[in-house]
Every structure is written in C-alpha cells, then in structure tokens.
Amino acid sequence: QVQLMESGGGLVQPGGSLRLSCATSERIRNIGFMGWYRQAPGKQRELVAAIASGGTTNYADSVKGRFTISRDDAENTVYLQMNSLKPEDTAVYYCRAITNYSYWGQGTQVTVSS
C-alpha cells in the first residue's frame, strides 16, 4: 500500500507560478511510475506529467515548456513546478503512483484567476 499526500495548490493569477508536492510512503526508487494528473469540472482526468523510475519524463502538449516534473529520492517526494499558469490550468491536481497496483492521492485544487 502506497500512500500519497499532495500539497501546494492554491489561487494564483495568470502568469504566476506554483509548485505542487507529492510525498510518498514508499521509497520512490521502488516506484516504477509517478505522474501528475488533473481534472477540471466537467472534463475527464488527464495526464499532465510523468516520471519513470529511470528518470524519463513526459508531458502533455498543453504544458510543455511551462511545467517541470522532478523528484527528490532522499525526500521520497515528486514535484510539479508550474510556471506561466493560465486560467485553463485550473483543475484538481492528483498524484499517481504505479507499482504492481495504482495509487492516487486525494488531490489539490489549483485555481488560476485574476
């Protein structure tokens, strides 16, 4: 059982930045896949960014060049640095870990509005 705890969401103006954190109860080196997803009202949950155990990353086209996923193995934490935020980035952001099973965090709200 992997427990995930997200933090760092909030209200930010367009063009601003936020950093989300996802702390895990398992050593990140033992987790094959970790990703950030988001779900806006009335829309399906979508992958935003992911990082594999070997360090390979991938991003949704809509966030490339603006968001960066990274991890701190010592802290067992994955981060999502979000820059140049847009109103369309408003959503609940979820952390996901995949080992032999899939685990989700509780989500953190990100609102981009002036």
Protein backbone atom coordinates (compact mmCIF):
# COMPACT_ATOMS: atom_id res chain seq x y z
CA GLN A 1 0.00 0.00 0.00
CA VAL A 2 1.48 3.32 -1.12
CA GLN A 3 0.13 6.47 0.46
CA LEU A 4 0.39 9.76 -1.40
CA MET A 5 -0.05 13.24 0.04
CA GLU A 6 -0.27 16.24 -2.28
CA SER A 7 0.26 19.83 -1.25
CA GLY A 8 0.99 23.20 -2.78
CA GLY A 9 -2.24 24.06 -4.56
CA GLY A 10 -3.94 27.40 -4.28
CA LEU A 11 -5.11 30.51 -6.06
CA VAL A 12 -2.70 32.26 -8.43
CA GLN A 13 -3.01 34.97 -11.04
CA PRO A 14 -2.46 34.22 -14.73
CA GLY A 15 1.24 34.16 -15.48
CA GLY A 16 2.08 33.11 -11.95
CA SER A 17 3.76 30.00 -10.60
CA LEU A 18 3.02 27.22 -8.15
CA ARG A 19 4.91 24.15 -7.05
CA LEU A 20 2.99 21.02 -6.14
CA SER A 21 4.47 18.32 -3.94
CA CYS A 22 3.57 14.66 -3.63
CA ALA A 23 5.08 12.88 -0.66
CA THR A 24 5.05 9.08 -0.77
CA SER A 25 5.08 6.46 1.97
CA GLU A 26 7.21 4.21 -0.24
CA ARG A 27 10.76 4.78 -1.43
CA ILE A 28 10.42 6.48 -4.79
CA ARG A 29 13.19 4.32 -6.21
CA ASN A 30 10.86 1.36 -5.77
CA ILE A 31 8.04 3.02 -7.72
CA GLY A 32 8.12 2.44 -11.46
CA PHE A 33 5.92 5.35 -12.46
CA MET A 34 4.79 8.56 -10.85
CA GLY A 35 2.60 11.10 -12.51
CA TRP A 36 0.57 14.23 -12.06
CA TYR A 37 -2.94 14.29 -13.45
CA ARG A 38 -5.61 16.94 -13.41
CA GLN A 39 -9.36 17.07 -13.69
CA ALA A 40 -11.30 20.21 -14.48
CA PRO A 41 -15.07 20.45 -13.85
CA GLY A 42 -16.98 18.53 -16.49
CA LYS A 43 -13.85 17.08 -18.04
CA GLN A 44 -12.04 13.78 -17.88
CA ARG A 45 -8.94 13.33 -15.79
CA GLU A 46 -5.84 13.79 -17.93
CA LEU A 47 -2.14 13.11 -17.59
CA VAL A 48 -0.12 16.29 -17.12
CA ALA A 49 3.40 14.99 -16.49
CA ALA A 50 5.07 11.74 -15.55
CA ILE A 51 8.43 10.49 -14.44
CA ALA A 52 9.66 6.92 -14.58
CA SER A 53 11.99 5.25 -12.11
CA GLY A 54 14.85 5.71 -14.56
CA GLY A 55 14.19 9.44 -14.74
CA THR A 56 12.49 9.62 -18.13
CA THR A 57 9.82 12.30 -18.21
CA ASN A 58 6.92 13.10 -20.47
CA TYR A 59 4.43 15.95 -20.61
CA ALA A 60 1.07 16.78 -22.08
CA ASP A 61 1.44 19.08 -25.07
CA SER A 62 -0.56 21.75 -23.30
CA VAL A 63 2.05 22.14 -20.53
CA LYS A 64 5.33 21.53 -22.37
CA GLY A 65 7.77 24.34 -21.70
CA ARG A 66 5.77 25.58 -18.71
CA PHE A 67 5.64 22.65 -16.26
CA THR A 68 8.50 20.55 -14.93
CA ILE A 69 8.23 17.28 -13.05
CA SER A 70 11.07 16.23 -10.78
CA ARG A 71 11.71 14.02 -7.82
CA ASP A 72 13.80 14.01 -4.67
CA ASP A 73 14.74 10.43 -3.82
CA ALA A 74 16.01 11.38 -0.39
CA GLU A 75 12.69 13.03 0.49
CA ASN A 76 10.56 10.48 -1.38
CA THR A 77 8.75 13.37 -2.98
CA VAL A 78 7.75 14.25 -6.52
CA TYR A 79 7.29 17.86 -7.53
CA LEU A 80 5.43 19.65 -10.28
CA GLN A 81 6.76 23.13 -10.94
CA MET A 82 4.13 25.10 -12.83
CA ASN A 83 5.09 28.38 -14.47
CA SER A 84 3.25 30.78 -16.76
CA LEU A 85 -0.05 29.47 -15.46
CA LYS A 86 -3.18 30.02 -17.49
CA PRO A 87 -6.85 30.01 -16.50
CA GLU A 88 -7.26 26.74 -18.40
CA ASP A 89 -4.81 25.12 -15.97
CA THR A 90 -7.47 25.41 -13.28
CA ALA A 91 -8.27 21.92 -12.00
CA VAL A 92 -7.84 19.48 -9.17
CA TYR A 93 -4.37 18.00 -9.50
CA TYR A 94 -3.77 14.40 -8.47
CA CYS A 95 -0.60 12.46 -7.85
CA ARG A 96 -0.48 8.85 -9.00
CA ALA A 97 1.98 6.05 -8.29
CA ILE A 98 2.10 2.72 -10.11
CA THR A 99 3.87 -0.30 -8.73
CA ASN A 100 2.01 -3.60 -9.12
CA TYR A 101 -1.05 -1.51 -8.34
CA SER A 102 -2.19 2.03 -8.99
CA TYR A 103 -2.45 4.52 -6.15
CA TRP A 104 -3.92 8.03 -6.12
CA GLY A 105 -3.60 10.96 -3.80
CA GLN A 106 -6.55 12.96 -2.55
CA GLY A 107 -5.97 15.88 -4.93
CA THR A 108 -5.13 19.53 -4.52
CA GLN A 109 -7.02 22.42 -6.07
CA VAL A 110 -5.24 24.82 -8.41
CA THR A 111 -7.15 27.91 -9.45
CA VAL A 112 -5.73 30.39 -11.95
CA SER A 113 -7.74 33.57 -11.97
CA SER A 114 -7.35 37.31 -11.79
